[in-house]
């Protein structure tokens, strides 16, 4: 069980890093199609993170030793906080990307009508 828990923790870490990279890219994009694609990818990663967290929590709860169970649950708390942080960062990156898209659209309209 401990090895399964460790595998889940490693998966959570990889997924969180992947989400961070996509969120950073999202915040920098002014392309509507890429914006939608990145948001969908991050949402899928969030779903996977939630599933891995639930499975890891179950593995931790099944431990016989209260000390081991407590240590596992403590490690999970940091990943739960990370998931909450990712959700906040996704919202901020979405707003930033939408602002860049709106600015690019306004610039394109201005170029169109001034030409």
PDB file of N, CA and C in Angstrom:
ATOM      1  N   UNK A   1       0.813  -1.205   0.000  1.00  0.00           N
ATOM      2  CA  UNK A   1       0.000   0.000   0.000  1.00  0.00           C
ATOM      3  C   UNK A   1       0.857   1.270   0.000  1.00  0.00           C
ATOM      4  N   UNK A   2       1.955   1.250   0.749  1.00  0.00           N
ATOM      5  CA  UNK A   2       2.808   2.433   0.807  1.00  0.00           C
ATOM      6  C   UNK A   2       3.401   2.729  -0.567  1.00  0.00           C
ATOM      7  N   UNK A   3       3.738   1.688  -1.328  1.00  0.00           N
ATOM      8  CA  UNK A   3       4.291   1.930  -2.665  1.00  0.00           C
ATOM      9  C   UNK A   3       3.212   2.502  -3.591  1.00  0.00           C
ATOM     10  N   UNK A   4       1.970   2.050  -3.447  1.00  0.00           N
ATOM     11  CA  UNK A   4       0.878   2.616  -4.242  1.00  0.00           C
ATOM     12  C   UNK A   4       0.686   4.090  -3.889  1.00  0.00           C
ATOM     13  N   UNK A   5       0.778   4.387  -2.599  1.00  0.00           N
ATOM     14  CA  UNK A   5       0.635   5.771  -2.150  1.00  0.00           C
ATOM     15  C   UNK A   5       1.754   6.629  -2.745  1.00  0.00           C
ATOM     16  N   UNK A   6       2.976   6.120  -2.720  1.00  0.00           N
ATOM     17  CA  UNK A   6       4.113   6.862  -3.263  1.00  0.00           C
ATOM     18  C   UNK A   6       3.931   7.106  -4.762  1.00  0.00           C
ATOM     19  N   UNK A   7       3.440   6.100  -5.464  1.00  0.00           N
ATOM     20  CA  UNK A   7       3.181   6.243  -6.897  1.00  0.00           C
ATOM     21  C   UNK A   7       2.128   7.329  -7.139  1.00  0.00           C
ATOM     22  N   UNK A   8       1.095   7.353  -6.317  1.00  0.00           N
ATOM     23  CA  UNK A   8       0.054   8.377  -6.443  1.00  0.00           C
ATOM     24  C   UNK A   8       0.603   9.771  -6.153  1.00  0.00           C
ATOM     25  N   UNK A   9       1.459   9.873  -5.147  1.00  0.00           N
ATOM     26  CA  UNK A   9       2.070  11.166  -4.805  1.00  0.00           C
ATOM     27  C   UNK A   9       2.923  11.658  -5.966  1.00  0.00           C
ATOM     28  N   UNK A  10       3.693  10.752  -6.570  1.00  0.00           N
ATOM     29  CA  UNK A  10       4.512  11.131  -7.719  1.00  0.00           C
ATOM     30  C   UNK A  10       3.635  11.577  -8.891  1.00  0.00           C
ATOM     31  N   UNK A  11       2.532  10.886  -9.085  1.00  0.00           N
ATOM     32  CA  UNK A  11       1.597  11.258 -10.141  1.00  0.00           C
ATOM     33  C   UNK A  11       1.003  12.639  -9.869  1.00  0.00           C
ATOM     34  N   UNK A  12       0.635  12.892  -8.630  1.00  0.00           N
ATOM     35  CA  UNK A  12       0.096  14.205  -8.260  1.00  0.00           C
ATOM     36  C   UNK A  12       1.105  15.310  -8.550  1.00  0.00           C
ATOM     37  N   UNK A  13       2.364  15.043  -8.235  1.00  0.00           N
ATOM     38  CA  UNK A  13       3.409  16.034  -8.458  1.00  0.00           C
ATOM     39  C   UNK A  13       3.595  16.309  -9.942  1.00  0.00           C
ATOM     40  N   UNK A  14       3.645  15.248 -10.750  1.00  0.00           N
ATOM     41  CA  UNK A  14       3.799  15.414 -12.200  1.00  0.00           C
ATOM     42  C   UNK A  14       2.610  16.176 -12.796  1.00  0.00           C
ATOM     43  N   UNK A  15       1.409  15.803 -12.381  1.00  0.00           N
ATOM     44  CA  UNK A  15       0.219  16.469 -12.900  1.00  0.00           C
ATOM     45  C   UNK A  15       0.205  17.948 -12.525  1.00  0.00           C
ATOM     46  N   UNK A  16       0.591  18.259 -11.298  1.00  0.00           N
ATOM     47  CA  UNK A  16       0.605  19.655 -10.853  1.00  0.00           C
ATOM     48  C   UNK A  16       1.620  20.465 -11.664  1.00  0.00           C
ATOM     49  N   UNK A  17       2.779  19.883 -11.931  1.00  0.00           N
ATOM     50  CA  UNK A  17       3.787  20.572 -12.744  1.00  0.00           C
ATOM     51  C   UNK A  17       3.282  20.797 -14.168  1.00  0.00           C
ATOM     52  N   UNK A  18       2.621  19.791 -14.706  1.00  0.00           N
ATOM     53  CA  UNK A  18       2.048  19.897 -16.048  1.00  0.00           C
ATOM     54  C   UNK A  18       0.988  21.001 -16.082  1.00  0.00           C
ATOM     55  N   UNK A  19       0.150  21.042 -15.069  1.00  0.00           N
ATOM     56  CA  UNK A  19      -0.885  22.083 -14.992  1.00  0.00           C
ATOM     57  C   UNK A  19      -0.244  23.464 -14.881  1.00  0.00           C
ATOM     58  N   UNK A  20       0.801  23.585 -14.065  1.00  0.00           N
ATOM     59  CA  UNK A  20       1.491  24.878 -13.922  1.00  0.00           C
ATOM     60  C   UNK A  20       1.996  25.386 -15.266  1.00  0.00           C
ATOM     61  N   UNK A  21       2.598  24.483 -16.049  1.00  0.00           N
ATOM     62  CA  UNK A  21       3.143  24.873 -17.353  1.00  0.00           C
ATOM     63  C   UNK A  21       2.035  25.328 -18.295  1.00  0.00           C
ATOM     64  N   UNK A  22       0.939  24.604 -18.301  1.00  0.00           N
ATOM     65  CA  UNK A  22      -0.162  24.967 -19.194  1.00  0.00           C
ATOM     66  C   UNK A  22      -0.843  26.259 -18.751  1.00  0.00           C
ATOM     67  N   UNK A  23      -0.945  26.461 -17.453  1.00  0.00           N
ATOM     68  CA  UNK A  23      -1.541  27.693 -16.930  1.00  0.00           C
ATOM     69  C   UNK A  23      -0.666  28.886 -17.297  1.00  0.00           C
ATOM     70  N   UNK A  24       0.650  28.723 -17.188  1.00  0.00           N
ATOM     71  CA  UNK A  24       1.558  29.812 -17.570  1.00  0.00           C
ATOM     72  C   UNK A  24       1.398  30.139 -19.051  1.00  0.00           C
ATOM     73  N   UNK A  25       1.295  29.112 -19.881  1.00  0.00           N
ATOM     74  CA  UNK A  25       1.101  29.324 -21.313  1.00  0.00           C
ATOM     75  C   UNK A  25      -0.248  30.006 -21.584  1.00  0.00           C
ATOM     76  N   UNK A  26      -1.267  29.579 -20.860  1.00  0.00           N
ATOM     77  CA  UNK A  26      -2.591  30.171 -21.021  1.00  0.00           C
ATOM     78  C   UNK A  26      -2.557  31.661 -20.722  1.00  0.00           C
ATOM     79  N   UNK A  27      -1.901  32.034 -19.647  1.00  0.00           N
ATOM     80  CA  UNK A  27      -1.835  33.441 -19.269  1.00  0.00           C
ATOM     81  C   UNK A  27      -1.138  34.306 -20.304  1.00  0.00           C
ATOM     82  N   UNK A  28      -0.312  33.684 -21.134  1.00  0.00           N
ATOM     83  CA  UNK A  28       0.454  34.434 -22.128  1.00  0.00           C
ATOM     84  C   UNK A  28      -0.160  34.389 -23.524  1.00  0.00           C
ATOM     85  N   UNK A  29      -1.252  33.661 -23.700  1.00  0.00           N
ATOM     86  CA  UNK A  29      -1.802  33.526 -25.050  1.00  0.00           C
ATOM     87  C   UNK A  29      -2.865  34.571 -25.354  1.00  0.00           C
ATOM     88  N   UNK A  30      -2.849  35.010 -26.607  1.00  0.00           N
ATOM     89  CA  UNK A  30      -3.884  35.930 -27.085  1.00  0.00           C
ATOM     90  C   UNK A  30      -4.657  35.288 -28.230  1.00  0.00           C
ATOM     91  N   UNK A  31      -4.496  33.982 -28.386  1.00  0.00           N
ATOM     92  CA  UNK A  31      -5.159  33.230 -29.445  1.00  0.00           C
ATOM     93  C   UNK A  31      -6.362  32.496 -28.858  1.00  0.00           C
ATOM     94  N   UNK A  32      -7.536  32.739 -29.432  1.00  0.00           N
ATOM     95  CA  UNK A  32      -8.783  32.173 -28.902  1.00  0.00           C
ATOM     96  C   UNK A  32      -8.760  30.653 -28.923  1.00  0.00           C
ATOM     97  N   UNK A  33      -8.342  30.064 -30.043  1.00  0.00           N
ATOM     98  CA  UNK A  33      -8.338  28.603 -30.142  1.00  0.00           C
ATOM     99  C   UNK A  33      -7.378  27.986 -29.132  1.00  0.00           C
ATOM    100  N   UNK A  34      -6.186  28.590 -28.998  1.00  0.00           N
ATOM    101  CA  UNK A  34      -5.209  28.053 -28.038  1.00  0.00           C
ATOM    102  C   UNK A  34      -5.715  28.246 -26.612  1.00  0.00           C
ATOM    103  N   UNK A  35      -6.374  29.366 -26.364  1.00  0.00           N
ATOM    104  CA  UNK A  35      -6.969  29.630 -25.050  1.00  0.00           C
ATOM    105  C   UNK A  35      -7.927  28.502 -24.670  1.00  0.00           C
ATOM    106  N   UNK A  36      -8.825  28.157 -25.588  1.00  0.00           N
ATOM    107  CA  UNK A  36      -9.807  27.100 -25.312  1.00  0.00           C
ATOM    108  C   UNK A  36      -9.122  25.748 -25.104  1.00  0.00           C
ATOM    109  N   UNK A  37      -8.137  25.479 -25.948  1.00  0.00           N
ATOM    110  CA  UNK A  37      -7.413  24.215 -25.863  1.00  0.00           C
ATOM    111  C   UNK A  37      -6.691  24.077 -24.519  1.00  0.00           C
ATOM    112  N   UNK A  38      -5.991  25.123 -24.124  1.00  0.00           N
ATOM    113  CA  UNK A  38      -5.254  25.081 -22.860  1.00  0.00           C
ATOM    114  C   UNK A  38      -6.195  24.968 -21.662  1.00  0.00           C
ATOM    115  N   UNK A  39      -7.296  25.720 -21.693  1.00  0.00           N
ATOM    116  CA  UNK A  39      -8.265  25.629 -20.587  1.00  0.00           C
ATOM    117  C   UNK A  39      -8.818  24.221 -20.462  1.00  0.00           C
ATOM    118  N   UNK A  40      -9.129  23.590 -21.587  1.00  0.00           N
ATOM    119  CA  UNK A  40      -9.639  22.219 -21.572  1.00  0.00           C
ATOM    120  C   UNK A  40      -8.583  21.263 -21.027  1.00  0.00           C
ATOM    121  N   UNK A  41      -7.341  21.465 -21.416  1.00  0.00           N
ATOM    122  CA  UNK A  41      -6.266  20.603 -20.926  1.00  0.00           C
ATOM    123  C   UNK A  41      -6.095  20.745 -19.412  1.00  0.00           C
ATOM    124  N   UNK A  42      -6.130  21.976 -18.937  1.00  0.00           N
ATOM    125  CA  UNK A  42      -5.968  22.202 -17.495  1.00  0.00           C
ATOM    126  C   UNK A  42      -7.153  21.616 -16.728  1.00  0.00           C
ATOM    127  N   UNK A  43      -8.349  21.765 -17.259  1.00  0.00           N
ATOM    128  CA  UNK A  43      -9.529  21.179 -16.603  1.00  0.00           C
ATOM    129  C   UNK A  43      -9.406  19.664 -16.526  1.00  0.00           C
ATOM    130  N   UNK A  44      -8.891  19.038 -17.569  1.00  0.00           N
ATOM    131  CA  UNK A  44      -8.695  17.586 -17.574  1.00  0.00           C
ATOM    132  C   UNK A  44      -7.639  17.189 -16.534  1.00  0.00           C
ATOM    133  N   UNK A  45      -6.586  17.975 -16.440  1.00  0.00           N
ATOM    134  CA  UNK A  45      -5.560  17.705 -15.427  1.00  0.00           C
ATOM    135  C   UNK A  45      -6.150  17.848 -14.034  1.00  0.00           C
ATOM    136  N   UNK A  46      -6.970  18.876 -13.832  1.00  0.00           N
ATOM    137  CA  UNK A  46      -7.626  19.053 -12.527  1.00  0.00           C
ATOM    138  C   UNK A  46      -8.476  17.832 -12.179  1.00  0.00           C
ATOM    139  N   UNK A  47      -9.198  17.312 -13.154  1.00  0.00           N
ATOM    140  CA  UNK A  47     -10.023  16.123 -12.925  1.00  0.00           C
ATOM    141  C   UNK A  47      -9.147  14.943 -12.520  1.00  0.00           C
ATOM    142  N   UNK A  48      -8.015  14.774 -13.197  1.00  0.00           N
ATOM    143  CA  UNK A  48      -7.087  13.690 -12.856  1.00  0.00           C
ATOM    144  C   UNK A  48      -6.482  13.886 -11.466  1.00  0.00           C
ATOM    145  N   UNK A  49      -6.162  15.135 -11.144  1.00  0.00           N
ATOM    146  CA  UNK A  49      -5.627  15.435  -9.813  1.00  0.00           C
ATOM    147  C   UNK A  49      -6.638  15.078  -8.721  1.00  0.00           C
ATOM    148  N   UNK A  50      -7.880  15.455  -8.936  1.00  0.00           N
ATOM    149  CA  UNK A  50      -8.923  15.150  -7.954  1.00  0.00           C
ATOM    150  C   UNK A  50      -9.083  13.642  -7.781  1.00  0.00           C
ATOM    151  N   UNK A  51      -9.030  12.890  -8.880  1.00  0.00           N
ATOM    152  CA  UNK A  51      -9.136  11.439  -8.801  1.00  0.00           C
ATOM    153  C   UNK A  51      -7.962  10.812  -8.074  1.00  0.00           C
ATOM    154  N   UNK A  52      -6.757  11.277  -8.377  1.00  0.00           N
ATOM    155  CA  UNK A  52      -5.565  10.743  -7.709  1.00  0.00           C
ATOM    156  C   UNK A  52      -5.567  11.103  -6.224  1.00  0.00           C
ATOM    157  N   UNK A  53      -6.029  12.305  -5.901  1.00  0.00           N
ATOM    158  CA  UNK A  53      -6.133  12.698  -4.488  1.00  0.00           C
ATOM    159  C   UNK A  53      -7.122  11.810  -3.742  1.00  0.00           C
ATOM    160  N   UNK A  54      -8.256  11.538  -4.356  1.00  0.00           N
ATOM    161  CA  UNK A  54      -9.263  10.686  -3.721  1.00  0.00           C
ATOM    162  C   UNK A  54      -8.714   9.275  -3.494  1.00  0.00           C
ATOM    163  N   UNK A  55      -8.021   8.741  -4.512  1.00  0.00           N
ATOM    164  CA  UNK A  55      -7.449   7.399  -4.388  1.00  0.00           C
ATOM    165  C   UNK A  55      -6.367   7.373  -3.311  1.00  0.00           C
ATOM    166  N   UNK A  56      -5.507   8.379  -3.283  1.00  0.00           N
ATOM    167  CA  UNK A  56      -4.447   8.440  -2.273  1.00  0.00           C
ATOM    168  C   UNK A  56      -5.040   8.578  -0.869  1.00  0.00           C
ATOM    169  N   UNK A  57      -6.104   9.361  -0.756  1.00  0.00           N
ATOM    170  CA  UNK A  57      -6.769   9.515   0.555  1.00  0.00           C
ATOM    171  C   UNK A  57      -7.321   8.172   1.026  1.00  0.00           C
ATOM    172  N   UNK A  58      -7.896   7.417   0.106  1.00  0.00           N
ATOM    173  CA  UNK A  58      -8.417   6.088   0.431  1.00  0.00           C
ATOM    174  C   UNK A  58      -7.295   5.164   0.885  1.00  0.00           C
ATOM    175  N   UNK A  59      -6.179   5.184   0.171  1.00  0.00           N
ATOM    176  CA  UNK A  59      -5.030   4.356   0.550  1.00  0.00           C
ATOM    177  C   UNK A  59      -4.548   4.750   1.945  1.00  0.00           C
ATOM    178  N   UNK A  60      -4.475   6.042   2.218  1.00  0.00           N
ATOM    179  CA  UNK A  60      -4.021   6.511   3.529  1.00  0.00           C
ATOM    180  C   UNK A  60      -4.989   6.074   4.629  1.00  0.00           C
ATOM    181  N   UNK A  61      -6.277   6.187   4.379  1.00  0.00           N
ATOM    182  CA  UNK A  61      -7.283   5.816   5.385  1.00  0.00           C
ATOM    183  C   UNK A  61      -7.248   4.317   5.705  1.00  0.00           C
ATOM    184  N   UNK A  62      -6.778   3.505   4.757  1.00  0.00           N
ATOM    185  CA  UNK A  62      -6.745   2.059   4.958  1.00  0.00           C
ATOM    186  C   UNK A  62      -5.544   1.588   5.777  1.00  0.00           C
ATOM    187  N   UNK A  63      -4.649   2.493   6.143  1.00  0.00           N
ATOM    188  CA  UNK A  63      -3.451   2.114   6.891  1.00  0.00           C
ATOM    189  C   UNK A  63      -3.819   1.702   8.314  1.00  0.00           C
ATOM    190  N   UNK A  64      -3.151   0.654   8.787  1.00  0.00           N
ATOM    191  CA  UNK A  64      -3.384   0.158  10.148  1.00  0.00           C
ATOM    192  C   UNK A  64      -2.712   1.056  11.179  1.00  0.00           C
ATOM    193  N   UNK A  65      -1.536   1.528  10.864  1.00  0.00           N
ATOM    194  CA  UNK A  65      -0.774   2.355  11.790  1.00  0.00           C
ATOM    195  C   UNK A  65      -1.280   3.794  11.735  1.00  0.00           C
ATOM    196  N   UNK A  66      -1.679   4.315  12.884  1.00  0.00           N
ATOM    197  CA  UNK A  66      -2.162   5.698  12.942  1.00  0.00           C
ATOM    198  C   UNK A  66      -1.062   6.680  12.568  1.00  0.00           C
ATOM    199  N   UNK A  67       0.177   6.353  12.930  1.00  0.00           N
ATOM    200  CA  UNK A  67       1.291   7.229  12.589  1.00  0.00           C
ATOM    201  C   UNK A  67       1.500   7.321  11.088  1.00  0.00           C
ATOM    202  N   UNK A  68       1.482   6.175  10.420  1.00  0.00           N
ATOM    203  CA  UNK A  68       1.648   6.155   8.967  1.00  0.00           C
ATOM    204  C   UNK A  68       0.462   6.841   8.285  1.00  0.00           C
ATOM    205  N   UNK A  69      -0.733   6.562   8.793  1.00  0.00           N
ATOM    206  CA  UNK A  69      -1.938   7.180   8.242  1.00  0.00           C
ATOM    207  C   UNK A  69      -1.852   8.702   8.363  1.00  0.00           C
ATOM    208  N   UNK A  70      -1.439   9.179   9.534  1.00  0.00           N
ATOM    209  CA  UNK A  70      -1.316  10.620   9.761  1.00  0.00           C
ATOM    210  C   UNK A  70      -0.283  11.259   8.847  1.00  0.00           C
ATOM    211  N   UNK A  71       0.842  10.581   8.649  1.00  0.00           N
ATOM    212  CA  UNK A  71       1.896  11.104   7.786  1.00  0.00           C
ATOM    213  C   UNK A  71       1.408  11.190   6.333  1.00  0.00           C
ATOM    214  N   UNK A  72       0.690  10.164   5.911  1.00  0.00           N
ATOM    215  CA  UNK A  72       0.163  10.159   4.544  1.00  0.00           C
ATOM    216  C   UNK A  72      -0.854  11.274   4.352  1.00  0.00           C
ATOM    217  N   UNK A  73      -1.753  11.417   5.302  1.00  0.00           N
ATOM    218  CA  UNK A  73      -2.777  12.457   5.197  1.00  0.00           C
ATOM    219  C   UNK A  73      -2.156  13.851   5.216  1.00  0.00           C
ATOM    220  N   UNK A  74      -1.082  13.997   5.980  1.00  0.00           N
ATOM    221  CA  UNK A  74      -0.376  15.274   6.021  1.00  0.00           C
ATOM    222  C   UNK A  74       0.217  15.604   4.654  1.00  0.00           C
ATOM    223  N   UNK A  75       0.811  14.620   3.991  1.00  0.00           N
ATOM    224  CA  UNK A  75       1.359  14.833   2.650  1.00  0.00           C
ATOM    225  C   UNK A  75       0.243  15.193   1.670  1.00  0.00           C
ATOM    226  N   UNK A  76      -0.906  14.591   1.855  1.00  0.00           N
ATOM    227  CA  UNK A  76      -2.035  14.865   0.965  1.00  0.00           C
ATOM    228  C   UNK A  76      -2.556  16.293   1.125  1.00  0.00           C
ATOM    229  N   UNK A  77      -2.495  16.807   2.347  1.00  0.00           N
ATOM    230  CA  UNK A  77      -2.968  18.174   2.576  1.00  0.00           C
ATOM    231  C   UNK A  77      -2.205  19.176   1.707  1.00  0.00           C
ATOM    232  N   UNK A  78      -0.911  18.974   1.579  1.00  0.00           N
ATOM    233  CA  UNK A  78      -0.138  19.914   0.747  1.00  0.00           C
ATOM    234  C   UNK A  78      -0.561  19.808  -0.721  1.00  0.00           C
ATOM    235  N   UNK A  79      -0.900  18.599  -1.175  1.00  0.00           N
ATOM    236  CA  UNK A  79      -1.368  18.445  -2.556  1.00  0.00           C
ATOM    237  C   UNK A  79      -2.773  19.015  -2.740  1.00  0.00           C
ATOM    238  N   UNK A  80      -3.607  18.929  -1.701  1.00  0.00           N
ATOM    239  CA  UNK A  80      -4.933  19.543  -1.778  1.00  0.00           C
ATOM    240  C   UNK A  80      -4.807  21.062  -1.853  1.00  0.00           C
ATOM    241  N   UNK A  81      -3.872  21.622  -1.088  1.00  0.00           N
ATOM    242  CA  UNK A  81      -3.627  23.061  -1.140  1.00  0.00           C
ATOM    243  C   UNK A  81      -3.099  23.454  -2.516  1.00  0.00           C
ATOM    244  N   UNK A  82      -2.264  22.597  -3.086  1.00  0.00           N
ATOM    245  CA  UNK A  82      -1.732  22.837  -4.425  1.00  0.00           C
ATOM    246  C   UNK A  82      -2.854  22.858  -5.456  1.00  0.00           C
ATOM    247  N   UNK A  83      -3.814  21.950  -5.327  1.00  0.00           N
ATOM    248  CA  UNK A  83      -4.950  21.913  -6.238  1.00  0.00           C
ATOM    249  C   UNK A  83      -5.774  23.203  -6.127  1.00  0.00           C
ATOM    250  N   UNK A  84      -5.984  23.668  -4.925  1.00  0.00           N
ATOM    251  CA  UNK A  84      -6.723  24.922  -4.728  1.00  0.00           C
ATOM    252  C   UNK A  84      -5.952  26.093  -5.341  1.00  0.00           C
ATOM    253  N   UNK A  85      -4.627  26.095  -5.180  1.00  0.00           N
ATOM    254  CA  UNK A  85      -3.786  27.142  -5.758  1.00  0.00           C
ATOM    255  C   UNK A  85      -3.875  27.107  -7.284  1.00  0.00           C
ATOM    256  N   UNK A  86      -3.854  25.900  -7.849  1.00  0.00           N
ATOM    257  CA  UNK A  86      -3.958  25.764  -9.300  1.00  0.00           C
ATOM    258  C   UNK A  86      -5.277  26.336  -9.816  1.00  0.00           C
ATOM    259  N   UNK A  87      -6.356  26.088  -9.097  1.00  0.00           N
ATOM    260  CA  UNK A  87      -7.658  26.607  -9.513  1.00  0.00           C
ATOM    261  C   UNK A  87      -7.639  28.140  -9.524  1.00  0.00           C
ATOM    262  N   UNK A  88      -7.028  28.743  -8.507  1.00  0.00           N
ATOM    263  CA  UNK A  88      -6.943  30.204  -8.453  1.00  0.00           C
ATOM    264  C   UNK A  88      -6.057  30.729  -9.581  1.00  0.00           C
ATOM    265  N   UNK A  89      -4.945  30.048  -9.837  1.00  0.00           N
ATOM    266  CA  UNK A  89      -4.053  30.469 -10.915  1.00  0.00           C
ATOM    267  C   UNK A  89      -4.728  30.322 -12.274  1.00  0.00           C
ATOM    268  N   UNK A  90      -5.538  29.283 -12.438  1.00  0.00           N
ATOM    269  CA  UNK A  90      -6.267  29.100 -13.693  1.00  0.00           C
ATOM    270  C   UNK A  90      -7.231  30.263 -13.921  1.00  0.00           C
ATOM    271  N   UNK A  91      -7.939  30.659 -12.879  1.00  0.00           N
ATOM    272  CA  UNK A  91      -8.860  31.801 -13.017  1.00  0.00           C
ATOM    273  C   UNK A  91      -8.100  33.065 -13.417  1.00  0.00           C
ATOM    274  N   UNK A  92      -6.969  33.319 -12.763  1.00  0.00           N
ATOM    275  CA  UNK A  92      -6.188  34.515 -13.069  1.00  0.00           C
ATOM    276  C   UNK A  92      -5.627  34.460 -14.490  1.00  0.00           C
ATOM    277  N   UNK A  93      -5.132  33.307 -14.913  1.00  0.00           N
ATOM    278  CA  UNK A  93      -4.578  33.166 -16.262  1.00  0.00           C
ATOM    279  C   UNK A  93      -5.672  33.314 -17.313  1.00  0.00           C
ATOM    280  N   UNK A  94      -6.858  32.822 -17.002  1.00  0.00           N
ATOM    281  CA  UNK A  94      -7.986  32.951 -17.929  1.00  0.00           C
ATOM    282  C   UNK A  94      -8.338  34.420 -18.123  1.00  0.00           C
ATOM    283  N   UNK A  95      -8.389  35.165 -17.046  1.00  0.00           N
ATOM    284  CA  UNK A  95      -8.689  36.600 -17.132  1.00  0.00           C
ATOM    285  C   UNK A  95      -7.600  37.317 -17.922  1.00  0.00           C
ATOM    286  N   UNK A  96      -6.357  36.986 -17.645  1.00  0.00           N
ATOM    287  CA  UNK A  96      -5.231  37.609 -18.334  1.00  0.00           C
ATOM    288  C   UNK A  96      -5.277  37.298 -19.833  1.00  0.00           C
ATOM    289  N   UNK A  97      -5.545  36.049 -20.176  1.00  0.00           N
ATOM    290  CA  UNK A  97      -5.625  35.647 -21.581  1.00  0.00           C
ATOM    291  C   UNK A  97      -6.795  36.326 -22.284  1.00  0.00           C
ATOM    292  N   UNK A  98      -7.936  36.377 -21.622  1.00  0.00           N
ATOM    293  CA  UNK A  98      -9.099  37.038 -22.230  1.00  0.00           C
ATOM    294  C   UNK A  98      -8.838  38.519 -22.468  1.00  0.00           C
ATOM    295  N   UNK A  99      -8.119  39.140 -21.549  1.00  0.00           N
ATOM    296  CA  UNK A  99      -7.766  40.554 -21.733  1.00  0.00           C
ATOM    297  C   UNK A  99      -6.848  40.718 -22.941  1.00  0.00           C
ATOM    298  N   UNK A 100      -5.900  39.810 -23.097  1.00  0.00           N
ATOM    299  CA  UNK A 100      -4.989  39.876 -24.256  1.00  0.00           C
ATOM    300  C   UNK A 100      -5.752  39.629 -25.554  1.00  0.00           C
ATOM    301  N   UNK A 101      -6.698  38.712 -25.526  1.00  0.00           N
ATOM    302  CA  UNK A 101      -7.530  38.436 -26.704  1.00  0.00           C
ATOM    303  C   UNK A 101      -8.359  39.659 -27.057  1.00  0.00           C
ATOM    304  N   UNK A 102      -8.976  40.267 -26.053  1.00  0.00           N
ATOM    305  CA  UNK A 102      -9.784  41.473 -26.292  1.00  0.00           C
ATOM    306  C   UNK A 102      -8.928  42.606 -26.854  1.00  0.00           C
ATOM    307  N   UNK A 103      -7.725  42.763 -26.319  1.00  0.00           N
ATOM    308  CA  UNK A 103      -6.822  43.816 -26.793  1.00  0.00           C
ATOM    309  C   UNK A 103      -6.423  43.553 -28.243  1.00  0.00           C
ATOM    310  N   UNK A 104      -6.106  42.309 -28.577  1.00  0.00           N
ATOM    311  CA  UNK A 104      -5.742  41.953 -29.954  1.00  0.00           C
ATOM    312  C   UNK A 104      -6.917  42.181 -30.898  1.00  0.00           C
ATOM    313  N   UNK A 105      -8.119  41.826 -30.448  1.00  0.00           N
ATOM    314  CA  UNK A 105      -9.322  42.060 -31.269  1.00  0.00           C
ATOM    315  C   UNK A 105      -9.551  43.548 -31.505  1.00  0.00           C
ATOM    316  N   UNK A 106      -9.405  44.337 -30.464  1.00  0.00           N
ATOM    317  CA  UNK A 106      -9.601  45.783 -30.594  1.00  0.00           C
ATOM    318  C   UNK A 106      -8.557  46.385 -31.529  1.00  0.00           C
ATOM    319  N   UNK A 107      -7.344  45.919 -31.435  1.00  0.00           N
ATOM    320  CA  UNK A 107      -6.289  46.401 -32.308  1.00  0.00           C
ATOM    321  C   UNK A 107      -6.566  46.026 -33.759  1.00  0.00           C
ATOM    322  N   UNK A 108      -7.043  44.805 -33.983  1.00  0.00           N
ATOM    323  CA  UNK A 108      -7.365  44.342 -35.337  1.00  0.00           C
ATOM    324  C   UNK A 108      -8.523  45.164 -35.910  1.00  0.00           C
ATOM    325  N   UNK A 109      -9.524  45.453 -35.087  1.00  0.00           N
ATOM    326  CA  UNK A 109     -10.658  46.271 -35.547  1.00  0.00           C
ATOM    327  C   UNK A 109     -10.191  47.695 -35.897  1.00  0.00           C
ATOM    328  N   UNK A 110      -9.339  48.219 -35.038  1.00  0.00           N
ATOM    329  CA  UNK A 110      -8.825  49.572 -35.283  1.00  0.00           C
ATOM    330  C   UNK A 110      -8.025  49.618 -36.578  1.00  0.00           C
ATOM    331  N   UNK A 111      -7.199  48.613 -36.801  1.00  0.00           N
ATOM    332  CA  UNK A 111      -6.419  48.545 -38.052  1.00  0.00           C
ATOM    333  C   UNK A 111      -7.344  48.419 -39.253  1.00  0.00           C
ATOM    334  N   UNK A 112      -8.391  47.643 -39.097  1.00  0.00           N
ATOM    335  CA  UNK A 112      -9.334  47.415 -40.202  1.00  0.00           C
ATOM    336  C   UNK A 112     -10.058  48.717 -40.590  1.00  0.00           C
ATOM    337  N   UNK A 113     -10.492  49.441 -39.572  1.00  0.00           N
ATOM    338  CA  UNK A 113     -11.283  50.648 -39.853  1.00  0.00           C
ATOM    339  C   UNK A 113     -10.423  51.869 -40.131  1.00  0.00           C
ATOM    340  N   UNK A 114      -9.169  51.841 -39.763  1.00  0.00           N
ATOM    341  CA  UNK A 114      -8.318  52.999 -40.029  1.00  0.00           C
ATOM    342  C   UNK A 114      -7.624  52.883 -41.381  1.00  0.00           C
ATOM    343  N   UNK A 115      -7.656  51.681 -41.977  1.00  0.00           N
ATOM    344  CA  UNK A 115      -6.972  51.446 -43.249  1.00  0.00           C
ATOM    345  C   UNK A 115      -7.760  51.872 -44.379  1.00  0.00           C
TER     346      UNK A 115
END
